[in-house]
N, C-alpha and C. Protein backbone atom coordinates (compact mmCIF):
# COMPACT_ATOMS: atom_id res chain seq x y z
N UNK A 1 -155.67 -79.04 -78.20
CA UNK A 1 -154.22 -78.81 -78.50
C UNK A 1 -154.16 -78.00 -79.81
N UNK A 2 -153.24 -76.93 -79.75
CA UNK A 2 -153.10 -76.09 -80.81
C UNK A 2 -151.65 -75.99 -81.39
N UNK A 3 -151.31 -75.26 -82.40
CA UNK A 3 -149.89 -75.08 -82.84
C UNK A 3 -149.42 -73.67 -82.82
N UNK A 4 -150.45 -72.80 -82.55
CA UNK A 4 -150.05 -71.39 -82.50
C UNK A 4 -149.94 -70.74 -83.92
N UNK A 5 -150.36 -71.46 -84.95
CA UNK A 5 -150.53 -70.85 -86.23
C UNK A 5 -151.89 -70.34 -86.50
N UNK A 6 -152.08 -68.99 -86.45
CA UNK A 6 -153.39 -68.44 -86.62
C UNK A 6 -154.02 -68.81 -87.89
N UNK A 7 -155.35 -69.16 -87.99
CA UNK A 7 -156.04 -69.49 -89.26
C UNK A 7 -156.54 -68.24 -89.73
N UNK A 8 -157.03 -67.32 -88.88
CA UNK A 8 -157.60 -66.16 -89.55
C UNK A 8 -157.94 -65.13 -88.46
N UNK A 9 -158.34 -63.88 -88.75
CA UNK A 9 -158.69 -62.99 -87.77
C UNK A 9 -160.30 -62.74 -87.74
N UNK A 10 -160.88 -62.94 -86.63
CA UNK A 10 -162.30 -62.66 -86.43
C UNK A 10 -162.49 -61.35 -85.79
N UNK A 11 -163.86 -60.95 -85.71
CA UNK A 11 -164.22 -59.77 -85.05
C UNK A 11 -165.24 -59.92 -84.15
N UNK A 12 -165.13 -59.28 -82.97
CA UNK A 12 -166.17 -59.45 -81.97
C UNK A 12 -167.42 -58.66 -82.50
N UNK A 13 -168.48 -59.43 -82.53
CA UNK A 13 -169.86 -58.69 -82.93
C UNK A 13 -170.76 -58.56 -81.88
N UNK A 14 -170.62 -59.23 -80.76
CA UNK A 14 -171.67 -59.08 -79.63
C UNK A 14 -171.07 -59.48 -78.33
N UNK A 15 -171.26 -58.90 -77.28
CA UNK A 15 -170.87 -59.38 -75.84
C UNK A 15 -172.10 -59.24 -75.06
N UNK A 16 -172.29 -60.35 -74.32
CA UNK A 16 -173.56 -60.54 -73.44
C UNK A 16 -173.23 -60.92 -72.01
N UNK A 17 -173.32 -60.01 -71.13
CA UNK A 17 -172.98 -60.33 -69.80
C UNK A 17 -173.93 -61.41 -69.31
N UNK A 18 -173.36 -62.47 -68.66
CA UNK A 18 -174.24 -63.53 -68.02
C UNK A 18 -173.86 -63.62 -66.51
N UNK A 19 -174.60 -64.38 -65.77
CA UNK A 19 -174.45 -64.39 -64.37
C UNK A 19 -173.03 -64.99 -64.07
N UNK A 20 -172.52 -65.95 -64.84
CA UNK A 20 -171.27 -66.55 -64.54
C UNK A 20 -170.11 -66.07 -65.35
N UNK A 21 -170.39 -65.13 -66.27
CA UNK A 21 -169.22 -64.72 -67.19
C UNK A 21 -169.79 -63.94 -68.29
N UNK A 22 -169.31 -64.21 -69.45
CA UNK A 22 -169.56 -63.39 -70.63
C UNK A 22 -169.63 -64.38 -71.94
N UNK A 23 -170.74 -63.99 -72.71
CA UNK A 23 -170.98 -64.75 -73.86
C UNK A 23 -170.38 -63.85 -75.00
N UNK A 24 -169.62 -64.39 -75.81
CA UNK A 24 -168.78 -63.64 -76.92
C UNK A 24 -169.19 -64.27 -78.18
N UNK A 25 -169.71 -63.33 -79.13
CA UNK A 25 -170.06 -63.79 -80.55
C UNK A 25 -168.94 -63.16 -81.50
N UNK A 26 -168.36 -64.03 -82.19
CA UNK A 26 -167.34 -63.64 -83.22
C UNK A 26 -167.76 -63.84 -84.61
N UNK A 27 -167.50 -62.85 -85.42
CA UNK A 27 -167.70 -63.09 -86.85
C UNK A 27 -166.27 -63.56 -87.51
N UNK A 28 -166.32 -64.69 -88.06
CA UNK A 28 -165.22 -65.37 -88.42
C UNK A 28 -164.99 -64.92 -89.91
N UNK A 29 -163.62 -65.11 -90.43
CA UNK A 29 -163.30 -64.80 -91.78
C UNK A 29 -163.96 -65.82 -92.71
N UNK A 30 -164.18 -65.48 -93.97
CA UNK A 30 -164.96 -66.22 -94.85
C UNK A 30 -164.31 -67.64 -95.03
N UNK A 31 -163.05 -67.77 -95.02
CA UNK A 31 -162.33 -69.10 -95.27
C UNK A 31 -162.67 -70.06 -94.15
N UNK A 32 -163.20 -69.68 -93.02
CA UNK A 32 -163.47 -70.57 -91.84
C UNK A 32 -164.89 -70.77 -91.65
N UNK A 33 -165.77 -70.32 -92.58
CA UNK A 33 -167.22 -70.34 -92.35
C UNK A 33 -167.73 -71.72 -92.18
N UNK A 34 -167.23 -72.75 -92.91
CA UNK A 34 -167.83 -74.07 -92.85
C UNK A 34 -167.19 -74.99 -91.91
N UNK A 35 -166.28 -74.45 -91.18
CA UNK A 35 -165.48 -75.33 -90.28
C UNK A 35 -165.89 -75.31 -88.84
N UNK A 36 -167.08 -75.28 -88.51
CA UNK A 36 -167.47 -75.20 -87.09
C UNK A 36 -168.62 -76.15 -86.62
N UNK A 37 -168.48 -76.73 -85.55
CA UNK A 37 -169.47 -77.60 -84.95
C UNK A 37 -169.60 -77.17 -83.42
N UNK A 38 -170.82 -77.35 -82.90
CA UNK A 38 -171.05 -77.04 -81.54
C UNK A 38 -170.14 -78.10 -80.66
N UNK A 39 -169.41 -77.66 -79.63
CA UNK A 39 -168.57 -78.43 -78.94
C UNK A 39 -167.07 -78.41 -79.26
N UNK A 40 -166.82 -77.81 -80.51
CA UNK A 40 -165.50 -77.70 -80.94
C UNK A 40 -164.62 -76.80 -80.10
N UNK A 41 -163.37 -76.96 -80.03
CA UNK A 41 -162.35 -76.10 -79.16
C UNK A 41 -161.77 -75.14 -80.24
N UNK A 42 -161.83 -73.82 -79.88
CA UNK A 42 -161.18 -72.88 -80.73
C UNK A 42 -160.42 -71.83 -79.82
N UNK A 43 -159.25 -71.53 -80.14
CA UNK A 43 -158.46 -70.54 -79.45
C UNK A 43 -158.79 -69.10 -79.94
N UNK A 44 -159.09 -68.30 -79.01
CA UNK A 44 -159.44 -66.93 -79.27
C UNK A 44 -158.20 -66.22 -78.57
N UNK A 45 -157.37 -65.56 -79.41
CA UNK A 45 -156.23 -64.84 -78.78
C UNK A 45 -155.42 -65.85 -77.84
N UNK A 46 -155.46 -67.10 -78.31
CA UNK A 46 -154.73 -68.05 -77.52
C UNK A 46 -155.45 -68.74 -76.43
N UNK A 47 -156.51 -68.32 -76.11
CA UNK A 47 -157.45 -68.84 -75.01
C UNK A 47 -158.36 -69.96 -75.49
N UNK A 48 -158.28 -71.09 -75.10
CA UNK A 48 -159.20 -72.21 -75.58
C UNK A 48 -160.58 -72.10 -75.04
N UNK A 49 -161.55 -71.95 -76.01
CA UNK A 49 -162.90 -71.84 -75.55
C UNK A 49 -163.75 -72.89 -76.42
N UNK A 50 -164.87 -73.23 -75.93
CA UNK A 50 -165.72 -74.16 -76.62
C UNK A 50 -166.94 -73.46 -77.29
N UNK A 51 -167.19 -73.86 -78.55
CA UNK A 51 -168.27 -73.39 -79.30
C UNK A 51 -169.51 -73.75 -78.80
N UNK A 52 -170.36 -72.84 -78.56
CA UNK A 52 -171.75 -73.14 -77.92
C UNK A 52 -172.82 -73.00 -78.98
N UNK A 53 -172.46 -72.30 -80.07
CA UNK A 53 -173.52 -71.96 -81.13
C UNK A 53 -172.63 -71.54 -82.36
N UNK A 54 -173.09 -72.06 -83.56
CA UNK A 54 -172.51 -71.45 -84.77
C UNK A 54 -173.56 -71.44 -85.99
N UNK A 55 -173.47 -70.29 -86.59
CA UNK A 55 -174.42 -70.00 -87.75
C UNK A 55 -173.47 -69.48 -88.85
N UNK A 56 -172.86 -70.40 -89.67
CA UNK A 56 -171.98 -70.03 -90.74
C UNK A 56 -170.80 -69.09 -90.14
N UNK A 57 -170.76 -67.88 -90.36
CA UNK A 57 -169.63 -67.04 -89.87
C UNK A 57 -169.89 -66.42 -88.37
N UNK A 58 -170.98 -66.86 -87.76
CA UNK A 58 -171.17 -66.29 -86.45
C UNK A 58 -171.03 -67.52 -85.48
N UNK A 59 -169.93 -67.58 -84.67
CA UNK A 59 -169.61 -68.42 -83.68
C UNK A 59 -169.76 -67.80 -82.24
N UNK A 60 -170.32 -68.48 -81.40
CA UNK A 60 -170.49 -68.07 -79.97
C UNK A 60 -169.81 -68.95 -79.02
N UNK A 61 -169.27 -68.16 -77.87
CA UNK A 61 -168.51 -68.83 -76.89
C UNK A 61 -168.89 -68.28 -75.43
N UNK A 62 -168.57 -68.91 -74.55
CA UNK A 62 -168.76 -68.52 -73.08
C UNK A 62 -167.52 -68.48 -72.34
N UNK A 63 -167.12 -67.34 -71.72
CA UNK A 63 -165.95 -67.19 -71.05
C UNK A 63 -166.33 -66.94 -69.53
N UNK A 64 -165.79 -67.85 -68.60
CA UNK A 64 -166.14 -67.77 -67.17
C UNK A 64 -165.23 -66.67 -66.46
N UNK A 65 -165.55 -66.53 -65.11
CA UNK A 65 -164.82 -65.60 -64.37
C UNK A 65 -163.19 -65.79 -64.28
N UNK A 66 -162.93 -67.19 -64.29
CA UNK A 66 -161.39 -67.42 -64.25
C UNK A 66 -160.66 -67.07 -65.54
N UNK A 67 -161.44 -67.31 -66.70
CA UNK A 67 -160.84 -66.92 -67.96
C UNK A 67 -160.75 -65.39 -68.07
N UNK A 68 -161.76 -64.66 -67.65
CA UNK A 68 -161.87 -63.26 -67.66
C UNK A 68 -160.78 -62.66 -66.91
N UNK A 69 -160.46 -63.31 -65.73
CA UNK A 69 -159.48 -62.69 -64.70
C UNK A 69 -158.15 -62.83 -65.31
N UNK A 70 -157.82 -63.97 -65.96
CA UNK A 70 -156.43 -64.29 -66.34
C UNK A 70 -156.11 -63.95 -67.80
N UNK A 71 -157.08 -63.36 -68.59
CA UNK A 71 -156.76 -63.24 -70.03
C UNK A 71 -157.15 -61.78 -70.52
N UNK A 72 -156.94 -61.33 -71.73
CA UNK A 72 -157.24 -60.04 -72.08
C UNK A 72 -158.69 -60.07 -72.74
N UNK A 73 -159.40 -61.25 -72.61
CA UNK A 73 -160.84 -61.27 -73.20
C UNK A 73 -161.66 -60.21 -72.48
N UNK A 74 -161.35 -59.95 -71.22
CA UNK A 74 -162.23 -58.99 -70.56
C UNK A 74 -162.17 -57.60 -71.13
N UNK A 75 -161.15 -57.39 -71.94
CA UNK A 75 -161.07 -56.06 -72.63
C UNK A 75 -161.73 -55.94 -73.95
N UNK A 76 -162.30 -57.22 -74.43
CA UNK A 76 -163.04 -57.03 -75.75
C UNK A 76 -164.10 -56.02 -75.73
N UNK A 77 -164.17 -55.52 -76.96
CA UNK A 77 -165.33 -54.64 -77.19
C UNK A 77 -165.87 -55.02 -78.61
N UNK A 78 -167.12 -54.65 -79.02
CA UNK A 78 -167.52 -54.87 -80.28
C UNK A 78 -166.72 -54.18 -81.29
N UNK A 79 -166.16 -54.96 -82.15
CA UNK A 79 -165.22 -54.51 -83.19
C UNK A 79 -163.79 -54.84 -82.99
N UNK A 80 -163.48 -55.48 -81.86
CA UNK A 80 -162.17 -55.88 -81.47
C UNK A 80 -161.69 -57.01 -82.42
N UNK A 81 -160.52 -57.05 -83.00
CA UNK A 81 -160.19 -58.05 -83.84
C UNK A 81 -159.45 -59.25 -82.94
N UNK A 82 -159.75 -60.52 -83.35
CA UNK A 82 -159.34 -61.62 -82.56
C UNK A 82 -158.62 -62.65 -83.44
N UNK A 83 -157.51 -63.18 -82.92
CA UNK A 83 -156.74 -64.31 -83.54
C UNK A 83 -157.62 -65.54 -83.35
N UNK A 84 -157.75 -66.43 -84.39
CA UNK A 84 -158.59 -67.62 -84.26
C UNK A 84 -157.78 -68.72 -84.85
N UNK A 85 -157.84 -69.92 -83.94
CA UNK A 85 -157.17 -71.17 -84.40
C UNK A 85 -158.05 -72.37 -83.89
N UNK A 86 -158.47 -73.15 -84.89
CA UNK A 86 -159.18 -74.33 -84.49
C UNK A 86 -158.26 -75.45 -83.93
N UNK A 87 -158.79 -76.39 -83.07
CA UNK A 87 -157.94 -77.39 -82.55
C UNK A 87 -157.23 -78.24 -83.62
N UNK A 88 -156.01 -78.69 -83.27
CA UNK A 88 -155.22 -79.43 -84.19
C UNK A 88 -155.80 -80.87 -84.44
N UNK A 89 -155.76 -81.30 -85.67
CA UNK A 89 -156.11 -82.66 -86.05
C UNK A 89 -154.93 -83.56 -86.08
N UNK A 90 -154.96 -84.80 -85.82
CA UNK A 90 -153.85 -85.74 -85.74
C UNK A 90 -153.15 -85.74 -86.97
N UNK A 91 -153.80 -85.44 -88.10
CA UNK A 91 -153.21 -85.60 -89.45
C UNK A 91 -152.60 -84.35 -89.93
N UNK A 92 -152.50 -83.32 -89.14
CA UNK A 92 -151.95 -82.15 -89.53
C UNK A 92 -150.43 -81.96 -89.03
N UNK A 93 -149.70 -81.12 -89.90
CA UNK A 93 -148.30 -80.87 -89.38
C UNK A 93 -148.26 -79.89 -88.10
N UNK A 94 -147.34 -80.22 -87.33
CA UNK A 94 -147.11 -79.37 -86.11
C UNK A 94 -146.07 -78.27 -86.44
N UNK A 95 -146.65 -77.23 -87.14
CA UNK A 95 -145.77 -76.28 -87.72
C UNK A 95 -145.26 -75.25 -86.73
N UNK A 96 -145.97 -74.94 -85.63
CA UNK A 96 -145.58 -73.92 -84.60
C UNK A 96 -144.88 -74.70 -83.47
N UNK A 97 -145.65 -74.80 -82.27
CA UNK A 97 -145.15 -75.52 -81.21
C UNK A 97 -146.36 -76.03 -80.44
N UNK A 98 -146.23 -76.86 -79.46
CA UNK A 98 -147.37 -77.38 -78.72
C UNK A 98 -147.97 -76.26 -77.89
N UNK A 99 -149.31 -75.75 -78.20
CA UNK A 99 -149.91 -74.76 -77.52
C UNK A 99 -151.20 -75.47 -76.90
N UNK A 100 -151.32 -75.22 -75.52
CA UNK A 100 -152.51 -75.83 -74.95
C UNK A 100 -153.86 -74.98 -74.94
N UNK A 101 -153.61 -73.68 -75.21
CA UNK A 101 -154.81 -72.86 -75.02
C UNK A 101 -154.99 -72.46 -73.64
N UNK A 102 -154.24 -72.70 -72.73
CA UNK A 102 -154.31 -72.30 -71.37
C UNK A 102 -153.35 -71.20 -70.99
N UNK A 103 -153.96 -69.89 -71.04
CA UNK A 103 -153.22 -68.71 -70.87
C UNK A 103 -152.65 -68.63 -69.43
N UNK A 104 -151.28 -68.33 -69.32
CA UNK A 104 -150.57 -68.28 -68.17
C UNK A 104 -150.62 -66.90 -67.46
N UNK A 105 -150.82 -65.98 -68.23
CA UNK A 105 -150.95 -64.60 -67.69
C UNK A 105 -151.06 -63.53 -68.77
N UNK A 106 -151.13 -62.28 -68.48
CA UNK A 106 -151.25 -61.24 -69.33
C UNK A 106 -150.04 -60.34 -69.37
N UNK A 107 -149.41 -60.01 -70.56
CA UNK A 107 -148.28 -59.27 -70.63
C UNK A 107 -148.57 -57.94 -71.23
N UNK A 108 -147.70 -56.97 -71.41
CA UNK A 108 -147.96 -55.69 -71.99
C UNK A 108 -146.85 -55.40 -73.11
N UNK A 109 -147.29 -54.72 -74.11
CA UNK A 109 -146.40 -54.36 -75.14
C UNK A 109 -145.38 -53.34 -74.62
N UNK A 110 -144.16 -53.46 -74.49
CA UNK A 110 -143.26 -52.54 -73.82
C UNK A 110 -142.43 -51.63 -74.77
N UNK A 111 -142.17 -52.28 -75.99
CA UNK A 111 -141.45 -51.61 -76.93
C UNK A 111 -141.63 -52.12 -78.34
N UNK A 112 -141.70 -51.28 -79.30
CA UNK A 112 -141.88 -51.71 -80.78
C UNK A 112 -140.75 -51.08 -81.48
N UNK A 113 -139.93 -51.76 -82.28
CA UNK A 113 -138.83 -51.21 -83.13
C UNK A 113 -139.10 -51.82 -84.57
N UNK A 114 -139.12 -50.92 -85.40
CA UNK A 114 -139.35 -51.36 -86.87
C UNK A 114 -138.02 -51.60 -87.36
N UNK A 115 -137.87 -52.62 -88.15
CA UNK A 115 -136.52 -52.82 -88.83
C UNK A 115 -136.73 -53.23 -90.25
N UNK A 116 -136.99 -52.30 -91.21
CA UNK A 116 -137.41 -52.59 -92.64
C UNK A 116 -138.87 -53.01 -92.59
N UNK A 117 -139.06 -54.23 -93.17
CA UNK A 117 -140.45 -54.78 -93.13
C UNK A 117 -140.72 -55.65 -91.91
N UNK A 118 -139.67 -55.90 -91.03
CA UNK A 118 -139.83 -56.59 -89.80
C UNK A 118 -140.12 -55.72 -88.59
N UNK A 119 -140.49 -56.26 -87.51
CA UNK A 119 -140.82 -55.50 -86.32
C UNK A 119 -140.19 -56.31 -85.20
N UNK A 120 -139.37 -55.66 -84.25
CA UNK A 120 -138.94 -56.28 -82.98
C UNK A 120 -139.87 -55.79 -82.03
N UNK A 121 -140.55 -56.63 -81.19
CA UNK A 121 -141.46 -56.27 -80.26
C UNK A 121 -141.12 -56.85 -78.83
N UNK A 122 -141.08 -55.96 -77.98
CA UNK A 122 -140.79 -56.34 -76.56
C UNK A 122 -142.11 -56.42 -75.72
N UNK A 123 -142.25 -57.38 -74.91
CA UNK A 123 -143.33 -57.52 -73.97
C UNK A 123 -142.84 -57.68 -72.46
N UNK A 124 -143.59 -56.95 -71.62
CA UNK A 124 -143.31 -57.10 -70.06
C UNK A 124 -144.32 -58.06 -69.58
N UNK A 125 -143.68 -58.93 -68.82
CA UNK A 125 -144.51 -60.04 -68.27
C UNK A 125 -144.13 -60.26 -66.73
N UNK A 126 -145.01 -60.84 -66.09
CA UNK A 126 -144.59 -61.22 -64.69
C UNK A 126 -143.42 -62.07 -64.67
N UNK A 127 -142.57 -61.78 -63.60
CA UNK A 127 -141.21 -62.54 -63.43
C UNK A 127 -141.34 -64.03 -63.62
N UNK A 128 -142.33 -64.67 -62.90
CA UNK A 128 -142.43 -66.20 -62.93
C UNK A 128 -142.52 -66.58 -64.47
N UNK A 129 -143.24 -65.91 -65.29
CA UNK A 129 -143.39 -66.18 -66.69
C UNK A 129 -141.97 -66.14 -67.49
N UNK A 130 -141.27 -64.99 -67.10
CA UNK A 130 -139.98 -64.74 -67.86
C UNK A 130 -138.99 -65.96 -67.53
N UNK A 131 -139.24 -66.47 -66.15
CA UNK A 131 -138.30 -67.48 -65.72
C UNK A 131 -138.48 -68.80 -66.60
N UNK A 132 -139.56 -68.85 -67.29
CA UNK A 132 -139.98 -70.04 -68.08
C UNK A 132 -139.49 -69.88 -69.60
N UNK A 133 -138.78 -68.78 -69.89
CA UNK A 133 -138.41 -68.56 -71.27
C UNK A 133 -136.93 -68.51 -71.39
N UNK A 134 -136.45 -68.99 -72.60
CA UNK A 134 -135.13 -68.89 -73.01
C UNK A 134 -134.97 -68.49 -74.42
N UNK A 135 -133.73 -67.91 -74.72
CA UNK A 135 -133.61 -67.40 -76.06
C UNK A 135 -133.62 -68.64 -76.97
N UNK A 136 -134.37 -68.41 -78.02
CA UNK A 136 -134.65 -69.44 -79.06
C UNK A 136 -135.60 -70.35 -78.64
N UNK A 137 -136.21 -70.21 -77.46
CA UNK A 137 -137.35 -71.00 -77.10
C UNK A 137 -138.74 -70.54 -77.68
N UNK A 138 -139.79 -71.24 -77.39
CA UNK A 138 -141.04 -70.82 -77.96
C UNK A 138 -141.97 -70.20 -76.91
N UNK A 139 -142.80 -69.31 -77.38
CA UNK A 139 -143.88 -68.68 -76.62
C UNK A 139 -145.04 -68.34 -77.47
N UNK A 140 -146.26 -68.46 -76.93
CA UNK A 140 -147.46 -68.06 -77.61
C UNK A 140 -147.90 -66.71 -77.05
N UNK A 141 -148.02 -65.67 -77.97
CA UNK A 141 -148.60 -64.32 -77.68
C UNK A 141 -149.78 -64.17 -78.33
N UNK A 142 -150.89 -64.03 -77.57
CA UNK A 142 -152.22 -63.88 -78.28
C UNK A 142 -152.53 -65.05 -79.16
N UNK A 143 -151.92 -66.22 -78.77
CA UNK A 143 -152.17 -67.41 -79.55
C UNK A 143 -151.25 -67.55 -80.73
N UNK A 144 -150.36 -66.64 -80.95
CA UNK A 144 -149.30 -66.85 -82.06
C UNK A 144 -148.04 -67.45 -81.56
N UNK A 145 -147.72 -68.47 -82.28
CA UNK A 145 -146.40 -69.23 -81.93
C UNK A 145 -145.17 -68.39 -82.44
N UNK A 146 -144.33 -68.13 -81.46
CA UNK A 146 -143.23 -67.16 -81.72
C UNK A 146 -141.94 -67.69 -81.06
N UNK A 147 -140.78 -67.35 -81.59
CA UNK A 147 -139.52 -67.61 -81.12
C UNK A 147 -138.94 -66.54 -80.29
N UNK A 148 -138.61 -66.83 -79.03
CA UNK A 148 -138.06 -65.80 -78.23
C UNK A 148 -136.65 -65.36 -78.75
N UNK A 149 -136.42 -64.04 -78.82
CA UNK A 149 -135.13 -63.59 -79.26
C UNK A 149 -134.27 -63.24 -78.03
N UNK A 150 -134.78 -62.31 -77.23
CA UNK A 150 -134.06 -61.98 -75.94
C UNK A 150 -134.89 -62.12 -74.74
N UNK A 151 -134.51 -62.36 -73.55
CA UNK A 151 -135.27 -62.45 -72.37
C UNK A 151 -134.56 -61.95 -71.20
N UNK A 152 -135.27 -61.10 -70.33
CA UNK A 152 -134.68 -60.56 -69.22
C UNK A 152 -135.47 -61.05 -68.03
N UNK A 153 -135.39 -60.32 -66.85
CA UNK A 153 -136.04 -60.68 -65.56
C UNK A 153 -137.57 -60.61 -65.79
N UNK A 154 -137.98 -59.56 -66.47
CA UNK A 154 -139.48 -59.33 -66.64
C UNK A 154 -139.84 -58.85 -68.10
N UNK A 155 -138.95 -59.14 -69.11
CA UNK A 155 -139.33 -58.81 -70.49
C UNK A 155 -138.74 -59.88 -71.44
N UNK A 156 -139.40 -59.91 -72.58
CA UNK A 156 -138.91 -60.69 -73.67
C UNK A 156 -139.20 -60.08 -75.06
N UNK A 157 -138.39 -60.44 -75.99
CA UNK A 157 -138.54 -59.82 -77.38
C UNK A 157 -138.83 -60.91 -78.40
N UNK A 158 -139.54 -60.66 -79.52
CA UNK A 158 -139.69 -61.48 -80.60
C UNK A 158 -139.50 -60.70 -81.86
N UNK A 159 -139.17 -61.32 -83.01
CA UNK A 159 -139.02 -60.68 -84.27
C UNK A 159 -140.20 -61.17 -85.10
N UNK A 160 -141.05 -60.19 -85.58
CA UNK A 160 -142.19 -60.48 -86.27
C UNK A 160 -142.03 -60.38 -87.79
N UNK A 161 -142.27 -61.29 -88.58
CA UNK A 161 -142.03 -61.23 -90.08
C UNK A 161 -143.24 -60.53 -90.63
N UNK A 162 -143.17 -59.99 -91.77
CA UNK A 162 -144.35 -59.33 -92.46
C UNK A 162 -145.62 -60.15 -92.62
N UNK A 163 -145.40 -61.51 -92.77
CA UNK A 163 -146.61 -62.40 -92.79
C UNK A 163 -147.29 -62.39 -91.41
N UNK A 164 -146.72 -62.45 -90.41
CA UNK A 164 -147.19 -62.42 -89.09
C UNK A 164 -147.83 -61.17 -88.74
N UNK A 165 -147.35 -60.04 -89.15
CA UNK A 165 -147.83 -58.69 -88.87
C UNK A 165 -149.13 -58.57 -89.60
N UNK A 166 -149.18 -59.10 -90.82
CA UNK A 166 -150.44 -58.91 -91.68
C UNK A 166 -151.41 -59.88 -91.28
N UNK A 167 -151.17 -61.20 -90.89
CA UNK A 167 -152.20 -62.14 -90.79
C UNK A 167 -152.56 -62.43 -89.27
N UNK A 168 -152.05 -61.65 -88.44
CA UNK A 168 -152.46 -61.80 -86.95
C UNK A 168 -152.72 -60.37 -86.41
N UNK A 169 -153.31 -60.31 -85.24
CA UNK A 169 -153.57 -59.05 -84.58
C UNK A 169 -152.25 -58.30 -84.07
N UNK A 170 -151.05 -59.04 -84.03
CA UNK A 170 -149.90 -58.30 -83.59
C UNK A 170 -149.44 -57.14 -84.41
N UNK A 171 -149.86 -57.16 -85.62
CA UNK A 171 -149.52 -56.04 -86.45
C UNK A 171 -150.21 -54.75 -86.16
N UNK A 172 -151.33 -54.88 -85.30
CA UNK A 172 -151.93 -53.66 -84.96
C UNK A 172 -151.83 -53.34 -83.46
N UNK A 173 -151.00 -53.93 -82.84
CA UNK A 173 -150.67 -53.71 -81.33
C UNK A 173 -149.85 -52.48 -81.23
N UNK A 174 -150.24 -51.73 -80.02
CA UNK A 174 -149.59 -50.49 -79.73
C UNK A 174 -148.94 -50.62 -78.25
N UNK A 175 -148.20 -49.61 -77.92
CA UNK A 175 -147.49 -49.69 -76.68
C UNK A 175 -148.56 -49.82 -75.46
N UNK A 176 -148.24 -50.80 -74.52
CA UNK A 176 -149.08 -51.07 -73.31
C UNK A 176 -150.26 -51.82 -73.60
N UNK A 177 -150.50 -52.24 -74.81
CA UNK A 177 -151.55 -53.13 -75.03
C UNK A 177 -151.57 -54.46 -74.29
N UNK A 178 -152.50 -55.05 -73.78
CA UNK A 178 -152.50 -56.21 -73.04
C UNK A 178 -152.46 -57.47 -74.04
N UNK A 179 -151.62 -58.52 -73.85
CA UNK A 179 -151.64 -59.68 -74.71
C UNK A 179 -151.64 -60.89 -73.78
N UNK A 180 -152.19 -62.03 -74.31
CA UNK A 180 -152.27 -63.22 -73.53
C UNK A 180 -150.87 -63.93 -73.76
N UNK A 181 -150.37 -64.50 -72.65
CA UNK A 181 -149.02 -65.13 -72.78
C UNK A 181 -149.26 -66.59 -72.25
N UNK A 182 -148.72 -67.53 -73.03
CA UNK A 182 -148.67 -68.93 -72.74
C UNK A 182 -147.18 -69.42 -72.94
N UNK A 183 -146.54 -69.79 -71.79
CA UNK A 183 -145.12 -70.37 -72.01
C UNK A 183 -145.12 -71.70 -72.57
N UNK A 184 -143.96 -72.14 -72.82
CA UNK A 184 -143.83 -73.54 -73.35
C UNK A 184 -144.08 -74.61 -72.23
N UNK A 185 -144.93 -75.51 -72.52
CA UNK A 185 -145.38 -76.57 -71.57
C UNK A 185 -144.07 -77.39 -71.06
N UNK A 186 -143.18 -77.48 -72.07
CA UNK A 186 -141.92 -78.17 -71.65
C UNK A 186 -141.03 -77.45 -70.53
N UNK A 187 -141.07 -76.10 -70.65
CA UNK A 187 -140.39 -75.34 -69.75
C UNK A 187 -140.98 -75.49 -68.28
N UNK A 188 -142.47 -75.63 -68.27
CA UNK A 188 -143.16 -75.74 -67.02
C UNK A 188 -142.67 -76.98 -66.32
N UNK A 189 -142.54 -78.12 -67.16
CA UNK A 189 -142.14 -79.37 -66.53
C UNK A 189 -140.70 -79.42 -66.05
N UNK A 190 -139.87 -78.82 -66.88
CA UNK A 190 -138.48 -78.69 -66.51
C UNK A 190 -138.24 -77.90 -65.22
N UNK A 191 -138.95 -76.75 -65.00
CA UNK A 191 -138.91 -76.04 -63.89
C UNK A 191 -139.41 -76.69 -62.70
N UNK A 192 -140.53 -77.49 -62.77
CA UNK A 192 -141.05 -78.24 -61.64
C UNK A 192 -140.06 -79.29 -61.24
N UNK A 193 -139.46 -80.04 -62.09
CA UNK A 193 -138.50 -81.01 -61.93
C UNK A 193 -137.35 -80.55 -61.19
N UNK A 194 -136.92 -79.32 -61.67
CA UNK A 194 -135.66 -78.66 -61.22
C UNK A 194 -135.86 -78.30 -59.67
N UNK A 195 -137.10 -77.71 -59.27
CA UNK A 195 -137.46 -77.25 -58.02
C UNK A 195 -137.52 -78.47 -56.93
N UNK A 196 -138.10 -79.55 -57.58
CA UNK A 196 -138.24 -80.71 -56.79
C UNK A 196 -136.88 -81.39 -56.48
N UNK A 197 -136.02 -81.32 -57.40
CA UNK A 197 -134.69 -81.99 -57.31
C UNK A 197 -133.87 -81.12 -56.25
N UNK A 198 -134.01 -79.84 -56.24
CA UNK A 198 -133.31 -78.92 -55.39
C UNK A 198 -133.87 -79.13 -53.95
N UNK A 199 -135.22 -79.39 -53.75
CA UNK A 199 -135.67 -79.62 -52.38
C UNK A 199 -135.27 -80.88 -51.84
N UNK A 200 -135.12 -81.89 -52.68
CA UNK A 200 -134.64 -83.27 -52.34
C UNK A 200 -133.23 -83.17 -51.91
N UNK A 201 -132.37 -82.29 -52.58
CA UNK A 201 -130.96 -82.21 -52.20
C UNK A 201 -130.64 -81.52 -50.84
N UNK A 202 -131.75 -80.81 -50.51
CA UNK A 202 -131.52 -80.06 -49.19
C UNK A 202 -131.88 -81.02 -48.13
């Protein structure tokens, strides 16, 4: 379980193709160097993966075919910056929202508007994902907990403050870049209950 509050930006240092997927080696920021154990869960751009090896600032993960198909991890190259967040501890504050690290799909940056130090960013997403969003609701974009400003049939917008632009990879995103999207788990349950209720009524 995560909160969508990015702890630091890592960098892809090595990619090794394996029979069942891809081994990813990340160089972590200095402040996260001592916080790793084999078996830990870490969100890479919002995708929950298991640490399989760690040597100070070099952490290794394995991504299987399902993960590579449904996330932007398949677009990683050596040098790609990555949002990192370790799993939530029971004693920590839930500062963002409940993020599972289970990416629902990939969206694309559709529009970027600069408003002083802030940025309004629009993302194009599959319509089923847009159906699970509401204005003022929560969404995770590349693992970053954000508040939805506007939502349409296949797009939504967020307002990015200077801190978010500086301390996550969203500040370096360009038009048409692929981003991982995880909608709010509460919206998924409400949608399922609503569909079930409608079927019973018929």
